[in-house]
Protein backbone atom coordinates (compact mmCIF):
# COMPACT_ATOMS: atom_id res chain seq x y z
CA MET A 1 11.52 10.33 12.98
CA ASN A 2 10.80 10.85 9.29
CA VAL A 3 13.16 12.82 7.27
CA LYS A 4 11.89 13.40 3.95
CA PRO A 5 13.87 13.19 0.68
CA GLY A 6 14.99 16.26 -0.72
CA TYR A 7 12.99 15.43 -4.06
CA ILE A 8 9.92 16.22 -2.16
CA GLU A 9 10.85 19.83 -1.31
CA ARG A 10 12.87 20.12 -5.25
CA LEU A 11 9.39 19.01 -6.81
CA ARG A 12 7.77 22.05 -4.49
CA THR A 13 10.67 24.71 -5.46
CA ILE A 14 10.50 23.41 -9.31
CA VAL A 15 6.76 23.91 -9.55
CA GLU A 16 6.45 27.30 -8.07
CA ALA A 17 9.45 28.31 -9.79
CA ALA A 18 8.34 27.25 -13.02
CA SER A 19 4.74 28.42 -12.87
CA PRO A 20 5.38 32.07 -13.30
CA ARG A 21 7.61 31.27 -16.08
CA LEU A 22 5.05 29.16 -17.34
CA ARG A 23 2.51 31.73 -17.71
CA ALA A 24 5.15 33.93 -19.52
CA LEU A 25 5.01 31.70 -22.73
CA GLY A 26 1.22 32.68 -23.56
CA ASP A 27 0.77 32.22 -27.15
CA ALA A 28 4.24 30.73 -27.86
CA SER A 29 3.30 27.92 -25.96
CA ALA A 30 1.30 26.71 -28.64
CA THR A 31 3.82 26.57 -31.11
CA LYS A 32 5.30 23.17 -32.06
CA PRO A 33 9.20 22.41 -33.09
CA ALA A 34 10.21 22.57 -36.29
CA SER A 35 11.32 18.37 -35.94
CA GLY A 36 7.95 17.54 -34.90
CA GLY A 37 6.68 16.54 -31.17
CA TRP A 38 4.90 18.51 -29.03
CA SER A 39 4.66 22.00 -28.96
CA PRO A 40 4.70 23.11 -24.55
CA ARG A 41 0.90 22.97 -24.06
CA GLU A 42 1.01 19.07 -25.04
CA ILE A 43 3.89 19.04 -23.07
CA ILE A 44 2.55 20.69 -20.15
CA GLY A 45 -0.84 18.16 -20.38
CA HIS A 46 1.33 15.19 -20.23
CA LEU A 47 2.74 16.33 -17.16
CA VAL A 48 -0.92 16.37 -15.84
CA ASP A 49 -1.50 12.68 -17.03
CA SER A 50 1.89 12.12 -15.88
CA ALA A 51 0.90 13.19 -12.21
CA SER A 52 -3.12 12.15 -12.15
CA THR A 53 -1.48 8.52 -13.36
CA ASN A 54 1.10 8.68 -10.33
CA HIS A 55 -0.71 10.24 -7.90
CA GLN A 56 -3.02 6.67 -8.54
CA ARG A 57 0.20 4.87 -8.20
CA PHE A 58 1.83 6.77 -5.09
CA VAL A 59 -1.53 5.96 -3.33
CA ARG A 60 -2.32 2.37 -4.11
CA ALA A 61 1.10 1.58 -3.60
CA ARG A 62 -0.04 1.97 0.38
CA VAL A 63 -2.52 -0.88 -0.05
CA GLN A 64 -0.72 -3.24 -2.58
CA ASP A 65 1.92 -5.69 -1.96
CA ASN A 66 3.65 -5.08 -5.42
CA LEU A 67 4.75 -1.88 -6.99
CA VAL A 68 2.67 -3.26 -10.38
CA PHE A 69 0.78 -0.06 -11.75
CA PRO A 70 -0.69 -0.31 -15.57
CA GLY A 71 1.19 2.13 -17.94
CA TYR A 72 -0.72 4.50 -20.36
CA GLU A 73 -0.55 5.61 -24.14
CA GLN A 74 1.26 9.12 -23.77
CA ASP A 75 0.50 10.14 -27.49
CA ILE A 76 -3.66 9.05 -27.08
CA TRP A 77 -3.77 11.08 -23.63
CA VAL A 78 -2.15 14.14 -25.41
CA GLN A 79 -4.97 13.97 -28.37
CA ALA A 80 -7.42 12.86 -25.93
CA GLY A 81 -7.11 15.78 -23.29
CA ALA A 82 -6.84 18.49 -26.80
CA TYR A 83 -4.18 20.46 -24.44
CA GLN A 84 -3.12 21.79 -27.68
CA ASP A 85 -6.33 23.71 -27.68
CA ALA A 86 -6.84 24.28 -23.97
CA PRO A 87 -6.56 27.65 -22.44
CA TRP A 88 -2.66 28.33 -21.52
CA ASN A 89 -2.93 29.81 -18.09
CA ASP A 90 -5.89 27.33 -16.95
CA LEU A 91 -3.66 24.27 -18.21
CA VAL A 92 -0.86 25.52 -16.26
CA GLU A 93 -2.64 26.24 -13.34
CA LEU A 94 -4.23 22.43 -13.27
CA TRP A 95 0.09 21.13 -13.31
CA ARG A 96 0.68 23.44 -10.50
CA THR A 97 -1.90 22.68 -7.99
CA PHE A 98 -1.81 18.82 -9.06
CA ASN A 99 1.63 18.62 -8.49
CA LEU A 100 1.08 20.44 -5.07
CA GLN A 101 -1.45 18.21 -4.10
CA LEU A 102 1.59 15.39 -4.93
CA VAL A 103 3.92 17.00 -2.82
CA ARG A 104 0.86 16.67 -0.01
CA VAL A 105 1.00 12.85 -1.00
CA MET A 106 4.45 12.52 -0.90
CA VAL A 107 4.98 14.12 2.86
CA ALA A 108 2.30 12.40 4.06
CA THR A 109 3.89 8.76 3.17
CA PRO A 110 5.32 6.90 5.99
CA ASP A 111 8.92 6.36 5.70
CA ASP A 112 8.63 2.34 5.89
CA LEU A 113 5.96 2.52 3.24
CA ARG A 114 8.28 4.94 0.88
CA LEU A 115 11.20 2.54 1.27
CA ARG A 116 9.77 -1.36 1.54
CA GLU A 117 11.69 -2.92 -1.22
CA ARG A 118 9.40 -5.00 -3.10
CA LEU A 119 10.60 -7.50 -6.34
CA GLU A 120 6.95 -7.67 -7.61
CA HIS A 121 7.15 -4.61 -9.89
CA ASN A 122 7.15 -3.29 -13.63
CA PHE A 123 9.45 0.18 -13.19
CA ASP A 124 10.68 -1.47 -16.25
CA ARG A 125 8.11 -0.57 -18.53
CA ILE A 126 7.01 2.53 -16.67
CA GLY A 127 9.75 4.25 -15.46
CA PHE A 128 11.54 7.00 -16.56
CA GLU A 129 14.59 5.48 -15.06
CA ALA A 130 13.75 2.01 -15.42
CA ILE A 131 14.54 -0.72 -13.27
CA PRO A 132 15.04 -4.39 -14.52
CA GLN A 133 13.14 -7.17 -13.23
CA GLY A 134 14.47 -8.99 -10.39
CA GLN A 135 16.03 -5.78 -8.49
CA PRO A 136 13.92 -4.82 -5.77
CA ALA A 137 11.90 -1.46 -6.13
CA THR A 138 10.34 1.29 -3.69
CA LEU A 139 7.74 3.76 -3.88
CA ASP A 140 11.20 6.10 -3.25
CA HIS A 141 12.16 4.98 -6.48
CA LEU A 142 9.11 6.07 -8.30
CA MET A 143 8.74 9.36 -6.72
CA ARG A 144 12.15 10.15 -7.43
CA ASP A 145 11.37 8.97 -10.76
CA TYR A 146 8.61 11.58 -11.40
CA VAL A 147 10.70 14.27 -9.89
CA ALA A 148 12.89 13.65 -13.01
CA HIS A 149 10.40 13.20 -15.56
CA LEU A 150 8.73 16.63 -14.48
CA GLU A 151 12.32 17.85 -15.22
CA HIS A 152 12.78 16.49 -18.32
CA HIS A 153 9.73 17.58 -19.90
CA LEU A 154 10.45 21.34 -17.98
CA ARG A 155 13.79 21.32 -19.60
CA GLN A 156 12.66 20.49 -22.99
CA ILE A 157 10.07 24.02 -22.75
CA PHE A 158 12.74 25.95 -21.71
CA LYS A 159 15.37 25.01 -23.96
CA GLU A 160 17.78 24.15 -20.94
C-alpha cells in the first residue's frame, strides 16, 4: 500500500491557504523591499519558474537512472518572465494552478520510485537543502525540498 508523505498534503493546504492572502496584496505586490531584492510579484514569478523546473525534474526522475537535472539562473528567469509587470491575480492563479498540478504528480509517483536511492545526483548544486556528492539522494528529498523552498519564499512575502 502506498502511503503518501505529509508534505504532499501540506503543499496543497499551503497553496489553498496562501492564494487568497496573496490576492489580497493587490498593488502592494509590486513594492520592492528597501533593501533591494525581489518584490512579491517577482517572488511569486520565481516560484512559478521553480514549479516549472521541478515539474520537469519530478517527471524525468521516472525515466532516468540518476537525479541529475539542469539548474537555472533565477535572476535571469525572473527578469525574462517580466513578473514585475504581470497582472497580480493572473500571476497568483498561475502559481496556484501549477502547484496543484505538482500535487497531482507527487500523488501519482509510486513509493518505490520516490524512495529509490541514487548515488548520482546534483542536489549539492540545485537543492534548497543540499545533499553532498557521494551521499545517496531520492526523489522524495527533491519533492520535500521543493515544498521547503516554497514555504521559505512565502514567509518572505508575508514577513513571517
